[in-house]
Protein backbone atom coordinates (compact mmCIF):
# COMPACT_ATOMS: atom_id res chain seq x y z
CA MET A 1 148.75 214.60 -6.38
CA SER A 2 146.19 216.36 -8.50
CA ALA A 3 148.23 215.49 -11.60
CA GLN A 4 148.03 211.80 -10.73
CA PHE A 5 144.27 212.02 -10.39
CA ALA A 6 144.03 213.90 -13.67
CA ARG A 7 146.02 211.16 -15.42
CA ALA A 8 143.98 208.48 -13.73
CA SER A 9 140.75 210.04 -14.98
CA ASP A 10 142.22 210.36 -18.48
CA THR A 11 143.17 206.69 -18.57
CA ALA A 12 139.75 205.67 -17.21
CA THR A 13 137.82 207.14 -20.16
CA PRO A 14 138.79 204.40 -22.64
CA ALA A 15 137.65 201.83 -20.11
CA LYS A 16 134.30 203.61 -19.89
CA PHE A 17 133.88 203.11 -23.62
CA PHE A 18 133.26 199.44 -22.83
CA GLY A 19 131.40 200.26 -19.64
CA LEU A 20 128.43 198.51 -18.15
CA GLU A 21 125.93 200.94 -19.69
CA ARG A 22 127.24 200.41 -23.20
CA LEU A 23 127.31 196.63 -22.73
CA PHE A 24 123.73 196.73 -21.48
CA LEU A 25 122.68 198.82 -24.47
CA VAL A 26 124.39 196.49 -26.94
CA CYS A 27 122.77 193.44 -25.34
CA ALA A 28 119.34 195.12 -25.37
CA VAL A 29 119.63 196.04 -29.06
CA THR A 30 120.86 192.55 -29.94
CA LEU A 31 117.98 190.95 -28.04
CA ALA A 32 115.49 193.26 -29.76
CA LEU A 33 116.89 192.33 -33.17
CA VAL A 34 116.66 188.62 -32.36
CA VAL A 35 113.06 188.98 -31.18
CA VAL A 36 112.00 190.98 -34.25
CA GLY A 37 113.79 188.57 -36.59
CA SER A 38 112.21 185.53 -34.97
CA ALA A 39 108.75 187.08 -35.05
CA SER A 40 109.08 187.94 -38.74
CA LEU A 41 110.19 184.38 -39.58
CA ILE A 42 107.23 182.96 -37.66
CA VAL A 43 104.80 185.28 -39.45
CA LEU A 44 106.23 184.39 -42.86
CA ASN A 45 106.01 180.67 -42.08
CA LEU A 46 102.40 180.96 -40.93
CA ARG A 47 101.50 182.98 -44.03
CA ASP A 48 103.01 180.29 -46.27
CA ARG A 49 101.09 177.57 -44.42
CA VAL A 50 97.79 179.43 -44.75
CA THR A 51 98.42 180.06 -48.44
CA TYR A 52 99.20 176.37 -49.04
CA GLU A 53 96.12 175.19 -47.12
CA ASN A 54 93.86 177.62 -49.00
CA GLU A 55 95.31 176.49 -52.31
CA ARG A 56 94.73 172.85 -51.40
CA ALA A 57 91.14 173.55 -50.30
CA LEU A 58 90.40 175.41 -53.54
CA THR A 59 91.88 172.54 -55.57
CA ASN A 60 89.70 170.03 -53.72
CA SER A 61 86.61 172.19 -54.26
CA ALA A 62 87.39 172.53 -57.96
CA LEU A 63 87.76 168.75 -58.30
CA ILE A 64 84.44 168.14 -56.55
CA ILE A 65 82.64 170.66 -58.76
CA ALA A 66 84.25 169.20 -61.88
CA LYS A 67 83.05 165.69 -60.96
CA GLN A 68 79.52 166.96 -60.31
CA ILE A 69 79.43 168.78 -63.66
CA GLU A 70 80.74 165.66 -65.40
CA GLN A 71 77.99 163.56 -63.78
CA ALA A 72 75.34 166.09 -64.81
CA PHE A 73 76.56 166.06 -68.42
CA ALA A 74 76.66 162.26 -68.40
CA ALA A 75 73.07 162.13 -67.11
CA VAL A 76 71.88 164.59 -69.77
CA GLU A 77 73.75 162.67 -72.46
CA ALA A 78 72.26 159.35 -71.31
CA ALA A 79 68.77 160.84 -71.21
CA SER A 80 69.09 162.38 -74.66
CA ALA A 81 70.68 159.27 -76.20
CA SER A 82 67.66 157.03 -75.69
CA PRO A 83 64.50 158.95 -74.96
CA THR A 84 62.30 155.88 -75.56
CA SER A 85 63.91 153.84 -72.79
CA ALA A 86 63.50 156.61 -70.21
CA PRO A 87 60.20 156.31 -68.35
CA SER A 88 57.81 159.17 -68.88
CA LEU A 89 56.18 160.96 -66.02
CA SER A 90 52.72 159.69 -66.93
CA THR A 91 53.73 156.03 -66.55
CA MET A 92 55.49 156.46 -63.20
CA PRO A 93 53.56 155.23 -60.16
CA THR A 94 52.30 157.81 -57.75
CA GLU A 95 51.80 157.50 -54.03
CA ASN A 96 48.59 158.62 -52.40
């Protein structure tokens, strides 16, 4: 009888290779990999969005500043083109 139990324990070891503990461990590792992979994809997506929004904001700011500089140069050019038509400070009315 002891030989039968010895053979039964020998045949049970390959079944333990796919036991509940190993299955639990494989599932836990797989779940951890899925969570880490998903988190990294979310972080990369958010980083790309922030980079795009910052680039767009900088482009808008550059366009606004360029328009203001263009208007300032146009005003200086108009003032220097005809100094006689521009009113002088002495002829401007003052308020008391």
